[in-house]
Protein backbone atom coordinates (compact mmCIF):
# COMPACT_ATOMS: atom_id res chain seq x y z
CA UNK A 1 150.90 156.23 -92.83
CA UNK A 2 154.64 156.49 -93.52
CA UNK A 3 155.90 160.13 -93.15
CA UNK A 4 159.20 160.32 -94.88
CA UNK A 5 161.98 162.81 -95.78
CA UNK A 6 163.55 163.08 -99.17
CA UNK A 7 167.12 163.89 -97.96
CA UNK A 8 168.31 165.41 -101.32
CA UNK A 9 169.37 168.57 -99.40
CA UNK A 10 171.48 166.43 -97.19
CA UNK A 11 173.19 164.40 -99.87
CA UNK A 12 176.59 165.61 -98.77
CA UNK A 13 176.17 163.26 -95.88
CA UNK A 14 177.41 159.71 -96.28
CA UNK A 15 175.06 156.88 -96.27
CA UNK A 16 176.17 155.85 -92.81
CA UNK A 17 175.52 159.44 -91.47
CA UNK A 18 172.18 159.93 -93.18
CA UNK A 19 169.92 157.90 -90.81
CA UNK A 20 171.08 159.83 -87.71
CA UNK A 21 170.31 163.11 -89.44
CA UNK A 22 166.89 161.89 -90.53
CA UNK A 23 166.08 160.79 -86.97
CA UNK A 24 167.35 164.05 -85.62
CA UNK A 25 164.95 166.00 -87.84
CA UNK A 26 162.00 163.96 -86.51
CA UNK A 27 161.46 161.28 -89.21
CA UNK A 28 161.36 157.54 -89.07
CA UNK A 29 161.34 156.98 -92.82
CA UNK A 30 163.52 157.99 -95.76
CA UNK A 31 162.52 158.28 -99.39
CA UNK A 32 166.04 157.76 -100.91
CA UNK A 33 166.25 159.87 -104.07
CA UNK A 34 169.17 159.59 -106.52
CA UNK A 35 172.67 160.11 -105.18
CA UNK A 36 176.13 159.40 -106.53
CA UNK A 37 176.95 156.62 -104.08
CA UNK A 38 173.78 154.56 -104.41
CA UNK A 39 171.18 155.01 -107.19
CA UNK A 40 173.02 157.40 -109.47
CA UNK A 41 171.10 159.52 -111.92
CA UNK A 42 170.56 157.59 -115.15
CA UNK A 43 173.50 155.36 -114.62
CA UNK A 44 174.25 151.84 -113.15
CA UNK A 45 173.63 151.77 -109.38
CA UNK A 46 176.77 152.34 -107.35
CA UNK A 47 175.85 149.52 -104.93
CA UNK A 48 177.86 146.52 -103.76
CA UNK A 49 177.39 144.13 -100.72
CA UNK A 50 179.54 145.99 -98.23
CA UNK A 51 177.74 149.29 -98.97
CA UNK A 52 174.39 147.61 -98.40
CA UNK A 53 175.62 146.04 -95.16
CA UNK A 54 176.90 149.29 -93.70
CA UNK A 55 173.85 151.23 -94.80
CA UNK A 56 171.47 148.67 -93.19
CA UNK A 57 173.47 148.68 -90.00
CA UNK A 58 173.28 152.50 -89.71
CA UNK A 59 169.52 152.41 -90.42
CA UNK A 60 168.96 149.79 -87.80
CA UNK A 61 171.04 151.70 -85.18
CA UNK A 62 168.70 154.76 -85.56
CA UNK A 63 165.53 152.83 -86.00
CA UNK A 64 164.97 154.39 -89.40
CA UNK A 65 163.59 152.59 -92.40
CA UNK A 66 163.42 153.19 -96.12
CA UNK A 67 159.92 154.02 -97.19
CA UNK A 68 160.81 154.08 -100.93
CA UNK A 69 163.80 154.10 -103.24
CA UNK A 70 163.66 156.61 -106.11
CA UNK A 71 165.54 155.61 -109.25
CA UNK A 72 165.75 157.89 -112.27
CA UNK A 73 166.53 156.06 -115.58
CA UNK A 74 165.74 156.76 -119.22
CA UNK A 75 163.02 154.08 -119.48
CA UNK A 76 160.99 156.29 -121.81
CA UNK A 77 163.78 156.94 -124.23
CA UNK A 78 162.92 156.32 -127.89
CA UNK A 79 166.67 155.49 -128.44
CA UNK A 80 166.48 151.76 -127.89
CA UNK A 81 170.03 151.44 -126.66
CA UNK A 82 169.29 153.99 -123.91
CA UNK A 83 165.96 152.26 -123.10
CA UNK A 84 167.53 148.87 -122.76
CA UNK A 85 170.24 150.23 -120.48
CA UNK A 86 167.55 151.89 -118.30
CA UNK A 87 165.72 148.48 -118.00
CA UNK A 88 168.96 146.88 -116.94
CA UNK A 89 169.48 149.57 -114.37
CA UNK A 90 165.96 149.22 -113.08
CA UNK A 91 166.31 145.39 -112.71
CA UNK A 92 169.43 145.92 -110.61
CA UNK A 93 167.57 148.57 -108.56
CA UNK A 94 164.74 146.18 -107.90
CA UNK A 95 167.33 143.59 -106.68
CA UNK A 96 168.78 146.21 -104.33
CA UNK A 97 165.34 147.07 -103.02
CA UNK A 98 164.77 143.49 -102.25
CA UNK A 99 168.20 143.19 -100.56
CA UNK A 100 167.33 146.27 -98.45
CA UNK A 101 163.93 144.77 -97.62
CA UNK A 102 162.21 147.86 -99.16
CA UNK A 103 158.75 147.29 -100.44
CA UNK A 104 158.28 150.39 -102.58
CA UNK A 105 159.99 152.28 -105.40
CA UNK A 106 158.90 155.51 -107.02
CA UNK A 107 159.89 157.43 -110.16
CA UNK A 108 158.70 159.72 -112.91
CA UNK A 109 157.24 158.95 -116.31
CA UNK A 110 160.52 160.22 -117.81
CA UNK A 111 161.68 162.91 -120.24
CA UNK A 112 162.71 160.71 -123.07
CA UNK A 113 166.27 160.53 -124.48
CA UNK A 114 169.36 162.30 -123.35
CA UNK A 115 169.54 165.72 -124.94
CA UNK A 116 172.39 164.73 -127.24
CA UNK A 117 170.08 162.05 -128.65
CA UNK A 118 167.43 164.79 -129.62
CA UNK A 119 165.18 167.14 -127.81
CA UNK A 120 164.01 165.54 -124.61
CA UNK A 121 161.63 168.42 -123.80
CA UNK A 122 158.96 166.76 -125.82
CA UNK A 123 156.11 168.42 -124.01
CA UNK A 124 156.84 171.72 -125.70
CA UNK A 125 156.79 170.46 -129.35
CA UNK A 126 154.72 167.28 -129.17
CA UNK A 127 157.16 165.73 -131.59
CA UNK A 128 158.30 162.91 -129.33
CA UNK A 129 155.47 162.23 -126.97
CA UNK A 130 154.16 159.20 -128.86
CA UNK A 131 157.67 157.69 -129.23
CA UNK A 132 158.40 158.18 -125.57
CA UNK A 133 155.09 156.68 -124.42
CA UNK A 134 155.57 153.63 -126.67
CA UNK A 135 159.09 153.24 -125.25
CA UNK A 136 157.76 153.51 -121.63
CA UNK A 137 155.21 150.78 -122.33
CA UNK A 138 157.91 148.43 -123.67
CA UNK A 139 159.90 149.00 -120.51
CA UNK A 140 156.72 148.35 -118.31
CA UNK A 141 156.22 145.06 -120.23
CA UNK A 142 159.52 143.82 -118.96
CA UNK A 143 159.48 145.40 -115.48
CA UNK A 144 155.86 144.99 -114.23
CA UNK A 145 156.18 141.18 -113.97
CA UNK A 146 159.31 141.65 -111.85
CA UNK A 147 157.64 144.11 -109.46
CA UNK A 148 154.85 141.69 -109.14
CA UNK A 149 157.12 138.60 -108.61
CA UNK A 150 159.19 140.46 -105.96
CA UNK A 151 156.09 142.06 -104.41
CA UNK A 152 157.53 145.47 -104.69
CA UNK A 153 155.37 148.52 -105.35
CA UNK A 154 156.04 151.06 -108.02
CA UNK A 155 154.61 154.55 -107.68
CA UNK A 156 154.77 156.78 -110.67
CA UNK A 157 154.38 160.56 -110.96
CA UNK A 158 153.88 162.87 -113.89
CA UNK A 159 156.54 165.54 -113.88
CA UNK A 160 156.96 168.93 -115.67
CA UNK A 161 158.92 168.20 -118.83
CA UNK A 162 158.02 164.51 -118.89
CA UNK A 163 156.21 163.04 -121.88
CA UNK A 164 153.31 162.88 -119.41
CA UNK A 165 153.19 165.86 -117.11
CA UNK A 166 149.54 166.14 -116.12
CA UNK A 167 146.99 164.35 -113.99
CA UNK A 168 145.31 163.01 -117.06
CA UNK A 169 146.36 160.94 -118.85
CA UNK A 170 148.62 159.83 -115.98
CA UNK A 171 145.78 158.30 -113.98
CA UNK A 172 144.36 156.41 -116.89
CA UNK A 173 147.78 155.15 -117.99
CA UNK A 174 148.40 153.71 -114.50
CA UNK A 175 144.89 152.16 -114.51
CA UNK A 176 145.70 150.71 -117.94
CA UNK A 177 148.76 148.98 -116.47
CA UNK A 178 146.30 147.20 -114.28
CA UNK A 179 148.66 145.87 -111.68
CA UNK A 180 148.08 145.97 -107.89
CA UNK A 181 151.79 146.88 -107.62
CA UNK A 182 151.68 150.04 -109.81
CA UNK A 183 150.12 153.10 -108.27
CA UNK A 184 149.97 156.90 -108.59
CA UNK A 185 152.12 159.48 -106.82
CA UNK A 186 150.61 162.93 -106.50
CA UNK A 187 153.26 165.64 -106.17
CA UNK A 188 151.84 168.74 -104.47
CA UNK A 189 154.63 171.08 -105.94
CA UNK A 190 153.18 170.14 -109.37
CA UNK A 191 149.67 171.11 -108.37
CA UNK A 192 149.23 173.87 -110.88
CA UNK A 193 150.51 171.75 -113.73
CA UNK A 194 147.76 169.27 -112.94
CA UNK A 195 144.91 171.74 -112.55
CA UNK A 196 143.29 174.17 -110.20
CA UNK A 197 140.94 172.15 -107.99
CA UNK A 198 142.98 170.12 -105.46
CA UNK A 199 139.95 168.54 -103.89
CA UNK A 200 138.62 167.30 -107.16
CA UNK A 201 142.00 166.05 -108.42
CA UNK A 202 142.68 164.05 -105.23
CA UNK A 203 139.27 162.47 -105.32
CA UNK A 204 139.79 161.60 -109.06
CA UNK A 205 142.99 159.83 -108.10
CA UNK A 206 141.54 158.03 -105.09
CA UNK A 207 141.49 154.48 -106.59
CA UNK A 208 145.18 154.51 -107.55
CA UNK A 209 146.67 156.99 -105.08
CA UNK A 210 149.37 155.54 -102.83
CA UNK A 211 152.00 158.24 -102.27
CA UNK A 212 152.17 162.04 -102.03
CA UNK A 213 155.02 164.51 -102.19
CA UNK A 214 154.57 167.56 -99.91
CA UNK A 215 156.11 170.93 -100.89
CA UNK A 216 154.76 174.35 -101.78
CA UNK A 217 154.76 176.20 -105.00
CA UNK A 218 153.42 179.27 -106.66
CA UNK A 219 150.67 179.14 -109.30
CA UNK A 220 152.68 179.92 -112.41
CA UNK A 221 149.43 180.56 -114.24
CA UNK A 222 148.24 183.23 -111.93
CA UNK A 223 148.43 187.06 -112.47
CA UNK A 224 147.89 186.62 -116.22
CA UNK A 225 150.95 184.34 -116.21
CA UNK A 226 153.08 186.86 -114.41
CA UNK A 227 153.47 185.19 -111.01
CA UNK A 228 157.01 184.52 -112.13
CA UNK A 229 158.45 187.16 -114.52
CA UNK A 230 160.80 185.52 -117.06
CA UNK A 231 163.08 187.29 -119.46
CA UNK A 232 163.29 187.71 -122.40
CA UNK A 233 159.50 188.17 -122.82
CA UNK A 234 158.03 185.23 -124.64
CA UNK A 235 160.55 182.69 -123.38
CA UNK A 236 159.21 179.14 -123.29
CA UNK A 237 160.84 178.48 -119.81
CA UNK A 238 158.39 177.45 -117.11
CA UNK A 239 158.96 177.46 -113.38
CA UNK A 240 158.08 175.16 -110.62
CA UNK A 241 159.52 174.98 -107.12
CA UNK A 242 159.54 172.86 -103.98
CA UNK A 243 159.07 175.19 -101.05
CA UNK A 244 158.28 174.84 -97.32
CA UNK A 245 154.50 174.64 -96.59
CA UNK A 246 153.10 178.19 -96.47
CA UNK A 247 155.63 179.78 -98.80
CA UNK A 248 153.59 179.27 -101.90
CA UNK A 249 149.91 178.84 -103.03
CA UNK A 250 148.99 175.21 -102.64
CA UNK A 251 145.73 175.08 -100.68
CA UNK A 252 146.92 172.94 -97.77
CA UNK A 253 143.62 172.60 -95.93
CA UNK A 254 142.09 171.29 -99.18
CA UNK A 255 145.01 168.92 -99.64
CA UNK A 256 145.26 167.45 -96.17
CA UNK A 257 141.43 167.62 -95.66
CA UNK A 258 140.80 165.70 -98.88
CA UNK A 259 143.43 163.02 -98.12
CA UNK A 260 141.64 162.44 -94.75
CA UNK A 261 138.28 162.23 -96.51
CA UNK A 262 139.41 159.63 -99.13
CA UNK A 263 141.24 157.59 -96.36
CA UNK A 264 144.71 158.03 -97.66
CA UNK A 265 147.15 155.87 -95.76
CA UNK A 266 150.13 155.65 -97.90
CA UNK A 267 153.57 157.36 -98.10
CA UNK A 268 153.79 161.13 -97.39
CA UNK A 269 157.17 162.59 -98.25
CA UNK A 270 158.63 166.02 -97.40
CA UNK A 271 160.00 167.05 -100.83
CA UNK A 272 161.61 170.44 -100.41
CA UNK A 273 164.64 171.40 -102.46
CA UNK A 274 164.76 175.19 -102.24
CA UNK A 275 166.63 175.68 -99.01
CA UNK A 276 169.96 173.86 -98.96
CA UNK A 277 171.34 176.60 -96.79
CA UNK A 278 168.67 175.89 -94.24
CA UNK A 279 168.14 172.19 -94.82
CA UNK A 280 167.86 171.17 -91.15
CA UNK A 281 165.40 173.94 -90.36
CA UNK A 282 163.36 173.08 -93.39
CA UNK A 283 163.25 169.37 -92.55
CA UNK A 284 162.11 170.06 -88.95
CA UNK A 285 159.57 172.49 -90.03
CA UNK A 286 158.00 170.18 -92.63
CA UNK A 287 157.82 167.27 -90.23
CA UNK A 288 156.01 169.41 -87.66
CA UNK A 289 153.65 170.90 -90.27
CA UNK A 290 152.70 167.59 -91.88
CA UNK A 291 151.95 166.04 -88.56
CA UNK A 292 149.93 169.10 -87.44
CA UNK A 293 147.74 168.88 -90.60
CA UNK A 294 147.32 165.17 -90.23
CA UNK A 295 146.11 165.52 -86.62
CA UNK A 296 143.89 168.45 -87.61
CA UNK A 297 141.95 166.35 -90.15
CA UNK A 298 142.25 162.88 -88.50
CA UNK A 299 138.90 161.12 -88.62
């Protein structure tokens, strides 16, 4: 199993400084999420040969590896110009993964077009879900053969506000892609968007599950929907958070116990964003907690 850190809370560090920090916090693997000097959000990668060379040198010096690269592009935009640009960015990102000798990439299903192209929060109205799904499939038709040719894995997660934000149909969509290189990412901080039975959901995902994000969250549906109190009353805003283990309501014994039961041996990433003022403390704590739970349920 690869136990990785998403270093988003440490993004102020340079790429050359990052591996040392990750090693200092107890990790041997990085899940590199978007950052302005590498895979920028929604834009062309900011990557050139010297940057790759110096980053690889820094990684090697600390004995740290990249478990996964996480690009975010508008591959589900129903604006064809945006979608084509996203596919170009993806193709370059895949080239970068190959150059970095990284065998896995992960991303989200996507929220659709940029807000100035129309409402991207399609899950609220339902007005754009079909168009976004159709756009995503067009992108996958181009990209899946490249992932297969390069032997790079793609792990996809449903995310709140995506055109697909729930366990189903996400699992069946990934099964429909029908590629050994395309698998499912279960994000624990999204647990209560998926459902209420962690054991059952992980078992349902078993055949395509290759990656998990670890972070806690509250059940926004609990207490008659008042676990979070939002104003003004009736607002359509919804809340999810990525907290340290134990600060929310995810049933961690169910989570880690079921992963052990189903023989999970993929990528496990600490994915906490809530504590930038305590980023080092959070990173160390999460590393310790994940390892403690793994040992507790090791078969």
